[in-house]
């Protein structure tokens, strides 16, 4: 009888211990359904008040880490992998709508560029260029334009990063404060750079005073436009900026063609009004968005030092990226030819080829938006499809998906380049028929056009890698790929433009794009093979 009673007591103890263990497993899973490993479970147990002594007394284990191991194994047995299912009524329709919207958003972002090119073809001028402009004035506008992109490129990236961060959380007031903080920094930087180049020109007399004045005017007003368009982008008002560009071109037409004003004066008036209108609309849109913001305790702004530290990699990317896009032009325009009155001398044949080639990026930009948004939606869904011990499976799945994305963006970029090539050829014939002169003005323009299009096809793949890395909060990896690419772009373009012909500076763009895509591809492979780590880091 005593033996039977002892066995019954031990059996009851085992049952109670088993029930308590199951209860503890449930408590841990309530804290975190998908713990990463045993160490995380041990940390959770300690936060719940468990220690080695208590674990030994209740479950007979040596310490809390042994208890965590048993719970880890139990959770793995409990978990049943199930496919993530969406609402049958809303899933497919919603995803399709989001992807179409992403494509259009990427396309619309490049629309102002297309409108400017079309305006040049039809009206022979745009908001800041003119076909019949003297080479001196064209040089001034080109230098002002390049300086504006390079100087405020970092601020546009900082605005986009910080603005999206607050807007995504619904904090429009904080987004406005952060945005205008960087806008003020941008204007101050423009002022400092303007004074610096004025003093430099005053000492070394690179350009005459009248030419330098045009450089500064276009530099300052274009800076204002780039800053305002970035804010419209984060507020999803891209069409508004496109409308402003159209209105600005219309104003130039009225002033130049109707009132017979000088083309430069007409453009400066239009650019100044567009920049002022852009900033006014930005303020209006933010005020409107703030009215929809939930009322309550307003969170405090992040300390400036922390804000600057967090956005610095994005700022650096903006500077490097726009330097990468324009360094081949600087090489081409500074190559010594038979007639070089200034250090930089605008060459329309080269610029025209690049402008036509840029059109080939429109479709890939839209496709890039779709691919990245779709991948991020799938990654979000993966939290419901994969558990902590299935990280290798998840990483392999997304690495294969990434290779498919590479194939899609490459195919769409090539198709876009072929399409633009035949469109330009057709436009050239139509131009000859209408104006009795060629749109592709020379063999040099055609040469630059073809090589630049091939370069932009390669660059589109690198930009896909960059956008994915940005989405995973890894801008430093993008910069590590872009910095060597910028160096290769400069060195190859500089040497070839001096050794052979100035048009060969375009091969610097191609070589840089190849380096950018190879290094960014290497970074992407390392990220996808440790995707669980990077997702954990940003969660």
Protein backbone atom coordinates (compact mmCIF):
# COMPACT_ATOMS: atom_id res chain seq x y z
CA UNK A 1 0.00 0.00 0.00
CA UNK A 2 2.86 2.39 0.86
CA UNK A 3 4.59 1.63 -2.49
CA UNK A 4 1.37 2.27 -4.42
CA UNK A 5 0.75 5.52 -2.52
CA UNK A 6 4.34 6.66 -3.16
CA UNK A 7 3.97 5.94 -6.83
CA UNK A 8 0.69 7.85 -6.90
CA UNK A 9 2.33 10.84 -5.17
CA UNK A 10 5.25 10.79 -7.60
CA UNK A 11 2.84 10.46 -10.51
CA UNK A 12 0.83 13.39 -9.20
CA UNK A 13 4.01 15.41 -8.83
CA UNK A 14 5.04 14.56 -12.40
CA UNK A 15 1.59 15.54 -13.68
CA UNK A 16 1.71 18.84 -11.79
CA UNK A 17 5.25 19.46 -13.03
CA UNK A 18 4.19 18.72 -16.61
CA UNK A 19 1.19 21.03 -16.35
CA UNK A 20 3.35 23.75 -14.83
CA UNK A 21 5.91 23.28 -17.61
CA UNK A 22 3.21 23.54 -20.30
CA UNK A 23 1.88 26.64 -18.59
CA UNK A 24 5.36 28.15 -18.52
CA UNK A 25 5.83 27.39 -22.24
CA UNK A 26 2.56 29.21 -22.97
CA UNK A 27 3.69 32.19 -20.88
CA UNK A 28 6.96 32.39 -22.81
CA UNK A 29 5.14 32.15 -26.15
CA UNK A 30 2.78 34.90 -25.04
CA UNK A 31 5.84 37.06 -24.51
CA UNK A 32 7.30 36.12 -27.90
CA UNK A 33 5.72 33.68 -30.31
CA UNK A 34 8.96 33.26 -32.26
CA UNK A 35 12.00 33.48 -29.97
CA UNK A 36 15.30 33.50 -31.85
CA UNK A 37 17.11 30.94 -29.70
CA UNK A 38 17.62 29.49 -26.20
CA UNK A 39 19.42 32.59 -25.00
CA UNK A 40 16.42 34.79 -25.77
CA UNK A 41 14.17 32.36 -23.85
CA UNK A 42 16.57 32.48 -20.89
CA UNK A 43 16.38 36.27 -20.96
CA UNK A 44 12.58 36.12 -21.07
CA UNK A 45 12.53 33.73 -18.08
CA UNK A 46 14.73 36.06 -16.06
CA UNK A 47 12.44 38.98 -16.90
CA UNK A 48 9.55 36.85 -15.61
CA UNK A 49 11.28 36.32 -12.22
CA UNK A 50 12.91 32.92 -12.78
CA UNK A 51 16.40 32.08 -11.52
CA UNK A 52 18.57 28.95 -11.15
CA UNK A 53 17.27 28.06 -7.67
CA UNK A 54 13.61 28.31 -8.63
CA UNK A 55 14.16 26.35 -11.85
CA UNK A 56 15.92 23.55 -9.90
CA UNK A 57 13.24 23.36 -7.18
CA UNK A 58 10.26 23.22 -9.53
CA UNK A 59 11.58 21.38 -12.62
CA UNK A 60 14.71 19.60 -11.33
CA UNK A 61 17.05 21.23 -13.89
CA UNK A 62 20.56 22.44 -13.09
CA UNK A 63 20.02 26.06 -14.05
CA UNK A 64 17.81 28.45 -15.98
CA UNK A 65 19.67 27.79 -19.25
CA UNK A 66 18.80 24.10 -19.14
CA UNK A 67 15.16 25.04 -18.53
CA UNK A 68 15.38 27.45 -21.51
CA UNK A 69 16.71 24.60 -23.68
CA UNK A 70 13.78 22.36 -22.74
CA UNK A 71 11.30 25.15 -23.46
CA UNK A 72 13.03 25.84 -26.80
CA UNK A 73 12.63 22.19 -27.84
CA UNK A 74 9.00 22.19 -26.70
CA UNK A 75 8.24 25.33 -28.73
CA UNK A 76 9.82 23.76 -31.82
CA UNK A 77 7.57 20.72 -31.39
CA UNK A 78 4.51 22.86 -30.86
CA UNK A 79 5.12 25.01 -33.94
CA UNK A 80 3.43 23.92 -37.13
CA UNK A 81 4.45 25.87 -40.20
CA UNK A 82 1.41 27.17 -42.04
CA UNK A 83 1.23 29.21 -45.21
CA UNK A 84 0.25 32.79 -44.81
CA UNK A 85 -3.18 33.33 -46.28
CA UNK A 86 -4.73 36.62 -47.14
CA UNK A 87 -8.31 37.65 -47.16
CA UNK A 88 -9.66 36.17 -50.40
CA UNK A 89 -11.75 39.23 -51.09
CA UNK A 90 -9.18 41.90 -50.35
CA UNK A 91 -5.70 40.31 -50.72
CA UNK A 92 -5.24 40.03 -54.47
CA UNK A 93 -7.08 43.26 -55.27
CA UNK A 94 -5.27 45.24 -52.60
CA UNK A 95 -1.83 43.95 -53.57
CA UNK A 96 -2.48 44.60 -57.26
CA UNK A 97 -3.63 48.13 -56.48
CA UNK A 98 -0.56 48.81 -54.34
CA UNK A 99 1.82 47.48 -57.00
CA UNK A 100 0.19 49.50 -59.77
CA UNK A 101 0.35 52.58 -57.55
CA UNK A 102 4.04 51.90 -56.87
CA UNK A 103 4.80 51.62 -60.58
CA UNK A 104 2.97 54.85 -61.37
CA UNK A 105 4.73 56.59 -58.50
CA UNK A 106 8.13 55.60 -59.83
CA UNK A 107 7.07 56.66 -63.32
CA UNK A 108 5.63 59.98 -62.14
CA UNK A 109 8.86 60.76 -60.27
CA UNK A 110 10.68 60.72 -63.63
CA UNK A 111 7.88 62.56 -65.45
CA UNK A 112 9.32 66.10 -65.00
CA UNK A 113 12.48 64.94 -66.78
CA UNK A 114 10.43 63.63 -69.70
CA UNK A 115 8.38 66.84 -69.86
CA UNK A 116 11.58 68.91 -70.00
CA UNK A 117 12.93 66.81 -72.88
CA UNK A 118 9.62 66.97 -74.77
CA UNK A 119 9.51 70.73 -74.22
CA UNK A 120 13.00 71.06 -75.68
CA UNK A 121 11.98 69.02 -78.74
CA UNK A 122 8.79 70.96 -79.40
CA UNK A 123 9.35 74.49 -78.04
CA UNK A 124 13.17 74.41 -78.20
CA UNK A 125 13.34 75.48 -74.55
CA UNK A 126 12.43 74.18 -71.10
CA UNK A 127 12.38 75.72 -67.65
CA UNK A 128 16.19 76.06 -67.51
CA UNK A 129 17.55 75.30 -71.01
CA UNK A 130 17.31 76.62 -74.55
CA UNK A 131 18.48 75.12 -77.83
CA UNK A 132 19.74 78.37 -79.34
CA UNK A 133 21.54 79.54 -76.24
CA UNK A 134 25.13 80.75 -76.61
CA UNK A 135 27.76 78.34 -75.39
CA UNK A 136 28.81 80.81 -72.67
CA UNK A 137 25.31 80.96 -71.20
CA UNK A 138 24.82 77.22 -71.65
CA UNK A 139 28.03 76.70 -69.67
CA UNK A 140 26.72 78.95 -66.87
CA UNK A 141 23.41 77.08 -66.65
CA UNK A 142 25.14 73.68 -66.76
CA UNK A 143 27.55 74.60 -63.95
CA UNK A 144 24.74 76.06 -61.84
CA UNK A 145 22.62 72.95 -62.39
CA UNK A 146 25.39 70.49 -61.49
CA UNK A 147 26.34 72.49 -58.40
CA UNK A 148 22.73 72.59 -57.25
CA UNK A 149 22.33 68.81 -57.46
CA UNK A 150 25.64 68.03 -55.76
CA UNK A 151 25.27 70.61 -52.97
CA UNK A 152 21.69 69.81 -51.92
CA UNK A 153 21.65 66.15 -52.98
CA UNK A 154 22.53 65.06 -49.45
CA UNK A 155 19.81 67.24 -47.94
CA UNK A 156 17.17 65.80 -50.27
CA UNK A 157 18.08 62.30 -49.07
CA UNK A 158 18.05 63.44 -45.44
CA UNK A 159 14.61 65.03 -45.91
CA UNK A 160 13.27 61.91 -47.56
CA UNK A 161 14.62 59.62 -44.85
CA UNK A 162 13.58 61.65 -41.81
CA UNK A 163 10.34 62.87 -43.35
CA UNK A 164 9.18 59.35 -44.23
CA UNK A 165 10.17 58.19 -40.74
CA UNK A 166 7.78 60.61 -39.04
CA UNK A 167 5.02 60.56 -41.68
CA UNK A 168 4.86 56.75 -41.53
CA UNK A 169 4.07 57.07 -37.81
CA UNK A 170 1.52 59.83 -38.43
CA UNK A 171 3.62 62.58 -36.80
CA UNK A 172 3.17 65.28 -39.46
CA UNK A 173 4.14 68.13 -37.16
CA UNK A 174 7.46 66.47 -36.34
CA UNK A 175 7.92 65.68 -40.04
CA UNK A 176 7.43 69.35 -40.88
CA UNK A 177 9.90 70.49 -38.23
CA UNK A 178 12.54 67.98 -39.33
CA UNK A 179 11.97 68.77 -43.00
CA UNK A 180 12.31 72.52 -42.63
CA UNK A 181 15.32 72.05 -40.40
CA UNK A 182 17.13 70.36 -43.29
CA UNK A 183 15.73 72.89 -45.76
CA UNK A 184 17.27 75.68 -43.65
CA UNK A 185 20.55 73.75 -43.55
CA UNK A 186 20.31 73.41 -47.33
CA UNK A 187 19.85 77.13 -47.85
CA UNK A 188 22.69 77.98 -45.48
CA UNK A 189 24.94 75.53 -47.31
CA UNK A 190 23.97 77.11 -50.63
CA UNK A 191 24.85 80.52 -49.24
CA UNK A 192 28.21 79.35 -47.90
CA UNK A 193 29.08 77.55 -51.16
CA UNK A 194 27.99 80.59 -53.15
CA UNK A 195 30.27 82.88 -51.12
CA UNK A 196 33.14 80.39 -51.36
CA UNK A 197 32.98 80.07 -55.15
CA UNK A 198 32.56 83.85 -55.46
CA UNK A 199 35.79 84.41 -53.52
CA UNK A 200 37.51 81.66 -55.52
CA UNK A 201 36.41 83.24 -58.80
CA UNK A 202 37.39 86.68 -57.52
CA UNK A 203 40.93 85.50 -56.79
CA UNK A 204 41.53 83.29 -59.84
CA UNK A 205 39.14 85.01 -62.30
CA UNK A 206 37.84 81.74 -63.79
CA UNK A 207 34.69 83.32 -65.26
CA UNK A 208 33.73 86.93 -66.07
CA UNK A 209 31.41 88.67 -63.61
CA UNK A 210 28.31 88.43 -65.84
CA UNK A 211 28.76 84.69 -66.42
CA UNK A 212 29.38 84.07 -62.73
CA UNK A 213 26.18 85.96 -61.85
CA UNK A 214 24.13 83.58 -64.02
CA UNK A 215 25.83 80.57 -62.40
CA UNK A 216 24.89 81.79 -58.91
CA UNK A 217 21.29 82.66 -59.86
CA UNK A 218 20.55 79.30 -61.45
CA UNK A 219 22.40 77.52 -58.63
CA UNK A 220 20.32 79.15 -55.92
CA UNK A 221 16.86 78.90 -57.51
CA UNK A 222 17.35 75.33 -58.71
CA UNK A 223 18.41 74.38 -55.16
CA UNK A 224 15.07 75.68 -53.92
CA UNK A 225 13.22 73.63 -56.53
CA UNK A 226 15.04 70.38 -55.64
CA UNK A 227 14.31 70.86 -51.93
CA UNK A 228 10.62 71.49 -52.51
CA UNK A 229 10.19 68.55 -54.91
CA UNK A 230 11.68 66.21 -52.29
CA UNK A 231 9.08 67.30 -49.74
CA UNK A 232 6.30 66.82 -52.30
CA UNK A 233 7.62 63.33 -52.93
CA UNK A 234 7.46 62.30 -49.26
CA UNK A 235 3.96 63.81 -49.06
CA UNK A 236 3.03 61.85 -52.22
CA UNK A 237 2.35 65.01 -54.21
CA UNK A 238 4.58 64.22 -57.20
CA UNK A 239 1.94 65.31 -59.70
CA UNK A 240 1.87 68.74 -58.07
CA UNK A 241 5.53 69.24 -58.87
CA UNK A 242 4.96 68.03 -62.42
CA UNK A 243 2.19 70.62 -62.68
CA UNK A 244 4.58 73.30 -61.41
CA UNK A 245 7.13 72.35 -64.09
CA UNK A 246 4.45 72.58 -66.79
CA UNK A 247 3.27 75.93 -65.40
CA UNK A 248 6.86 77.20 -65.31
CA UNK A 249 7.45 76.21 -68.92
CA UNK A 250 4.17 77.89 -69.84
CA UNK A 251 5.28 81.08 -68.08
CA UNK A 252 8.60 81.01 -69.99
CA UNK A 253 6.59 80.67 -73.22
CA UNK A 254 4.44 83.70 -72.39
CA UNK A 255 7.35 85.89 -71.32
CA UNK A 256 9.69 84.81 -74.12
CA UNK A 257 7.37 84.30 -77.08
CA UNK A 258 4.49 86.67 -76.30
CA UNK A 259 6.21 89.55 -74.46
CA UNK A 260 9.54 89.05 -76.29
CA UNK A 261 11.62 89.11 -73.10
CA UNK A 262 15.15 87.70 -73.00
CA UNK A 263 15.09 83.90 -72.62
CA UNK A 264 17.40 83.90 -69.57
CA UNK A 265 15.37 86.60 -67.82
CA UNK A 266 12.16 84.69 -68.65
CA UNK A 267 13.58 81.46 -67.24
CA UNK A 268 14.91 83.08 -64.08
CA UNK A 269 11.53 84.69 -63.41
CA UNK A 270 9.75 81.37 -63.99
CA UNK A 271 12.22 79.39 -61.87
CA UNK A 272 11.97 81.86 -58.99
CA UNK A 273 8.15 81.75 -59.07
CA UNK A 274 8.14 77.94 -59.29
CA UNK A 275 10.50 77.67 -56.32
CA UNK A 276 8.42 80.12 -54.24
CA UNK A 277 5.17 78.38 -55.20
CA UNK A 278 6.74 75.01 -54.40
CA UNK A 279 7.73 76.07 -50.89
CA UNK A 280 4.33 77.68 -50.28
CA UNK A 281 2.56 74.48 -51.35
CA UNK A 282 4.83 72.42 -49.12
CA UNK A 283 3.83 74.53 -46.11
CA UNK A 284 0.15 74.25 -47.08
CA UNK A 285 0.29 70.47 -47.51
CA UNK A 286 2.00 70.02 -44.15
CA UNK A 287 -0.55 72.23 -42.39
CA UNK A 288 -3.37 70.24 -43.97
CA UNK A 289 -1.79 66.95 -42.95
CA UNK A 290 -1.28 68.16 -39.37
CA UNK A 291 -5.03 68.78 -39.03
CA UNK A 292 -5.58 65.06 -39.62
CA UNK A 293 -3.00 64.10 -37.01
CA UNK A 294 -4.34 62.44 -33.88
CA UNK A 295 -4.46 64.77 -30.90
CA UNK A 296 -2.72 63.80 -27.73
CA UNK A 297 0.67 63.98 -26.10
CA UNK A 298 3.04 65.36 -28.69
CA UNK A 299 6.32 63.44 -28.76
CA UNK A 300 9.51 65.47 -28.47
CA UNK A 301 11.90 65.95 -31.36
CA UNK A 302 15.00 63.79 -31.37
CA UNK A 303 18.15 65.59 -30.28
CA UNK A 304 19.88 67.26 -33.20
CA UNK A 305 23.12 65.34 -32.69
CA UNK A 306 21.28 62.02 -32.82
CA UNK A 307 19.27 63.11 -35.86
CA UNK A 308 22.40 64.14 -37.75
CA UNK A 309 24.16 60.90 -36.80
CA UNK A 310 21.23 58.77 -38.01
CA UNK A 311 20.79 60.50 -41.37
CA UNK A 312 24.48 61.07 -42.15
CA UNK A 313 24.84 57.89 -44.30
CA UNK A 314 21.85 59.01 -46.39
CA UNK A 315 23.32 62.51 -46.70
CA UNK A 316 26.59 61.02 -47.91
CA UNK A 317 24.71 58.86 -50.41
CA UNK A 318 22.96 61.91 -51.89
CA UNK A 319 26.29 63.67 -52.39
CA UNK A 320 27.96 60.58 -53.89
CA UNK A 321 25.03 59.68 -56.14
CA UNK A 322 24.66 63.08 -57.80
CA UNK A 323 28.44 63.39 -58.10
CA UNK A 324 28.39 60.00 -59.84
CA UNK A 325 25.71 61.15 -62.29
CA UNK A 326 27.53 64.35 -63.30
CA UNK A 327 31.25 63.59 -63.05
CA UNK A 328 31.42 62.32 -66.64
CA UNK A 329 30.01 65.65 -67.85
CA UNK A 330 32.72 67.53 -65.96
CA UNK A 331 35.35 65.28 -67.56
CA UNK A 332 33.90 65.79 -71.04
CA UNK A 333 33.45 69.56 -70.72
CA UNK A 334 36.89 70.15 -69.23
CA UNK A 335 38.78 68.11 -71.84
CA UNK A 336 41.15 70.39 -73.74
CA UNK A 337 40.02 70.95 -77.33
CA UNK A 338 40.93 73.41 -80.05
CA UNK A 339 38.79 76.12 -78.41
CA UNK A 340 38.68 76.24 -74.59
CA UNK A 341 38.16 79.81 -73.35
CA UNK A 342 37.30 78.61 -69.84
CA UNK A 343 38.15 75.71 -67.57
CA UNK A 344 34.74 74.14 -68.33
CA UNK A 345 33.17 74.60 -71.74
CA UNK A 346 29.67 73.25 -72.39
CA UNK A 347 29.39 70.70 -75.24
CA UNK A 348 25.83 70.34 -76.45
CA UNK A 349 26.47 67.21 -78.49
CA UNK A 350 27.50 65.34 -75.35
CA UNK A 351 24.70 66.72 -73.18
CA UNK A 352 22.03 65.94 -75.77
CA UNK A 353 23.07 62.29 -75.96
CA UNK A 354 22.89 61.95 -72.16
CA UNK A 355 19.50 63.68 -71.98
CA UNK A 356 17.98 61.29 -74.51
CA UNK A 357 19.53 58.28 -72.73
CA UNK A 358 18.05 59.36 -69.38
CA UNK A 359 14.58 58.67 -70.76
CA UNK A 360 15.43 54.97 -70.69
CA UNK A 361 15.41 55.10 -66.86
CA UNK A 362 11.73 56.03 -66.60
CA UNK A 363 10.22 52.54 -66.90
CA UNK A 364 12.94 50.84 -64.77
CA UNK A 365 12.30 53.35 -61.96
CA UNK A 366 8.64 52.34 -61.93
CA UNK A 367 9.52 48.64 -62.05
CA UNK A 368 12.02 49.13 -59.22
CA UNK A 369 9.30 50.63 -57.00
CA UNK A 370 7.02 47.66 -57.71
CA UNK A 371 9.68 45.02 -57.05
CA UNK A 372 10.88 46.51 -53.78
CA UNK A 373 7.36 47.13 -52.45
CA UNK A 374 6.35 43.58 -53.31
CA UNK A 375 9.45 42.19 -51.61
CA UNK A 376 8.85 44.23 -48.45
CA UNK A 377 5.22 43.05 -48.34
CA UNK A 378 6.45 39.47 -48.63
CA UNK A 379 9.02 40.04 -45.91
CA UNK A 380 6.31 41.44 -43.65
CA UNK A 381 4.20 38.36 -44.35
CA UNK A 382 7.19 36.11 -43.61
CA UNK A 383 6.79 36.88 -39.91
CA UNK A 384 3.67 34.69 -40.09
CA UNK A 385 5.17 32.03 -42.37
CA UNK A 386 8.53 31.29 -40.76
CA UNK A 387 9.61 30.66 -37.20
CA UNK A 388 12.89 31.36 -35.48
CA UNK A 389 14.43 27.96 -36.28
CA UNK A 390 13.50 28.32 -39.99
CA UNK A 391 15.71 31.30 -40.71
CA UNK A 392 17.87 29.42 -43.23
CA UNK A 393 14.77 28.46 -45.17
CA UNK A 394 13.49 32.04 -45.16
CA UNK A 395 16.85 33.46 -46.21
CA UNK A 396 17.11 31.01 -49.12
CA UNK A 397 13.56 31.86 -50.24
CA UNK A 398 14.22 35.59 -50.41
CA UNK A 399 17.63 35.13 -52.01
CA UNK A 400 15.95 33.26 -54.87
CA UNK A 401 13.27 35.96 -55.04
CA UNK A 402 16.05 38.56 -55.29
CA UNK A 403 17.60 36.79 -58.29
CA UNK A 404 14.21 36.88 -60.00
CA UNK A 405 14.03 40.61 -59.28
CA UNK A 406 17.44 41.08 -60.90
CA UNK A 407 16.22 39.26 -64.00
CA UNK A 408 13.04 41.38 -64.16
CA UNK A 409 14.77 44.75 -63.73
CA UNK A 410 17.45 43.78 -66.27
CA UNK A 411 14.87 42.70 -68.84
CA UNK A 412 12.70 45.79 -68.30
CA UNK A 413 15.74 48.10 -68.51
CA UNK A 414 16.90 46.54 -71.78
CA UNK A 415 13.36 46.70 -73.20
CA UNK A 416 13.08 50.35 -72.13
CA UNK A 417 16.43 51.20 -73.75
CA UNK A 418 15.42 49.52 -77.03
CA UNK A 419 12.07 51.33 -76.97
CA UNK A 420 13.67 54.73 -76.34
CA UNK A 421 16.25 54.09 -79.07
CA UNK A 422 13.59 53.53 -81.73
CA UNK A 423 11.45 56.39 -80.39
CA UNK A 424 14.41 58.76 -80.73
CA UNK A 425 15.15 57.49 -84.25
CA UNK A 426 11.52 58.05 -85.23
CA UNK A 427 11.56 61.48 -83.57
CA UNK A 428 14.71 62.35 -85.50
CA UNK A 429 12.99 61.62 -88.81
CA UNK A 430 9.91 63.59 -87.75
CA UNK A 431 12.17 66.46 -86.67
CA UNK A 432 13.86 66.53 -90.04
CA UNK A 433 10.46 66.56 -91.75
CA UNK A 434 9.17 69.41 -89.57
CA UNK A 435 12.25 71.60 -89.06
CA UNK A 436 14.59 70.38 -91.82
CA UNK A 437 17.34 69.46 -89.38
CA UNK A 438 18.29 66.43 -87.33
CA UNK A 439 17.39 65.89 -83.69
CA UNK A 440 20.51 63.75 -83.25
CA UNK A 441 22.79 66.53 -84.36
CA UNK A 442 25.94 64.50 -84.99
CA UNK A 443 27.61 61.12 -84.83
CA UNK A 444 29.08 62.14 -81.47
CA UNK A 445 25.58 62.64 -80.04
CA UNK A 446 24.49 59.22 -81.30
CA UNK A 447 27.64 57.62 -79.88
CA UNK A 448 27.12 59.16 -76.43
CA UNK A 449 23.39 58.32 -76.57
CA UNK A 450 24.02 54.59 -77.19
CA UNK A 451 26.81 54.17 -74.61
CA UNK A 452 24.90 56.18 -72.00
CA UNK A 453 21.76 54.08 -72.50
CA UNK A 454 23.78 50.90 -71.94
CA UNK A 455 25.26 52.53 -68.82
CA UNK A 456 21.82 53.43 -67.46
CA UNK A 457 20.61 49.86 -68.04
CA UNK A 458 23.43 48.70 -65.75
CA UNK A 459 22.79 51.55 -63.32
CA UNK A 460 19.10 50.56 -63.02
CA UNK A 461 20.15 47.18 -61.57
CA UNK A 462 22.48 48.91 -59.11
CA UNK A 463 19.68 51.28 -58.08
CA UNK A 464 17.43 48.29 -57.37
CA UNK A 465 20.11 46.96 -55.02
CA UNK A 466 20.43 50.38 -53.41
CA UNK A 467 16.68 50.74 -52.80
CA UNK A 468 16.50 47.27 -51.23
CA UNK A 469 19.43 48.05 -48.96
CA UNK A 470 17.79 51.35 -47.99
CA UNK A 471 14.57 49.47 -47.18
CA UNK A 472 16.59 47.24 -44.86
CA UNK A 473 18.26 50.31 -43.28
CA UNK A 474 21.72 49.53 -44.67
CA UNK A 475 22.79 52.78 -46.37
CA UNK A 476 26.43 52.25 -45.40
CA UNK A 477 26.57 49.20 -47.68
CA UNK A 478 25.28 51.34 -50.56
CA UNK A 479 27.93 53.98 -49.91
CA UNK A 480 30.68 51.34 -49.77
CA UNK A 481 29.62 50.27 -53.27
CA UNK A 482 29.07 53.77 -54.65
CA UNK A 483 32.30 55.44 -53.50
CA UNK A 484 34.63 53.14 -55.51
CA UNK A 485 32.20 53.41 -58.45
CA UNK A 486 32.50 57.21 -58.34
CA UNK A 487 36.29 56.93 -58.32
CA UNK A 488 36.29 54.56 -61.31
CA UNK A 489 33.84 56.83 -63.14
CA UNK A 490 36.15 59.81 -62.68
CA UNK A 491 39.47 58.09 -63.44
CA UNK A 492 38.31 56.15 -66.51
CA UNK A 493 36.37 59.11 -67.92
CA UNK A 494 39.22 61.54 -67.25
CA UNK A 495 41.87 59.41 -68.90
CA UNK A 496 39.84 58.41 -71.96
CA UNK A 497 38.58 61.94 -72.53
CA UNK A 498 42.21 63.15 -72.57
CA UNK A 499 43.75 60.26 -74.48
CA UNK A 500 41.09 59.76 -77.19
CA UNK A 501 38.17 62.19 -77.39
CA UNK A 502 35.97 64.09 -74.93
CA UNK A 503 32.96 61.90 -75.84
CA UNK A 504 34.80 58.89 -74.36
CA UNK A 505 34.12 60.34 -70.91
CA UNK A 506 30.84 58.43 -71.19
CA UNK A 507 32.81 55.19 -70.74
CA UNK A 508 33.63 56.44 -67.26
CA UNK A 509 29.88 56.41 -66.55
CA UNK A 510 29.67 52.85 -67.88
CA UNK A 511 32.69 51.61 -65.92
CA UNK A 512 31.39 53.24 -62.75
CA UNK A 513 27.96 51.67 -63.24
CA UNK A 514 29.57 48.23 -63.65
CA UNK A 515 31.53 48.65 -60.40
CA UNK A 516 28.43 49.93 -58.61
CA UNK A 517 26.30 46.98 -59.69
CA UNK A 518 28.98 44.39 -58.87
CA UNK A 519 29.74 45.75 -55.40
CA UNK A 520 26.07 46.31 -54.56
CA UNK A 521 25.28 42.77 -55.79
CA UNK A 522 27.98 41.42 -53.48
CA UNK A 523 26.45 43.38 -50.60
CA UNK A 524 22.97 42.06 -51.44
CA UNK A 525 24.14 38.44 -51.39
CA UNK A 526 25.69 38.88 -47.96
CA UNK A 527 22.49 40.54 -46.69
CA UNK A 528 20.11 37.87 -47.98
CA UNK A 529 22.23 35.08 -46.53
CA UNK A 530 21.80 36.74 -43.12
CA UNK A 531 18.41 38.32 -43.76
CA UNK A 532 17.05 37.21 -40.38
CA UNK A 533 19.82 39.18 -38.65
CA UNK A 534 19.13 42.37 -40.63
CA UNK A 535 15.38 42.07 -40.09
CA UNK A 536 15.95 41.60 -36.37
CA UNK A 537 18.24 44.65 -36.35
CA UNK A 538 15.56 46.95 -37.84
CA UNK A 539 12.58 45.48 -35.96
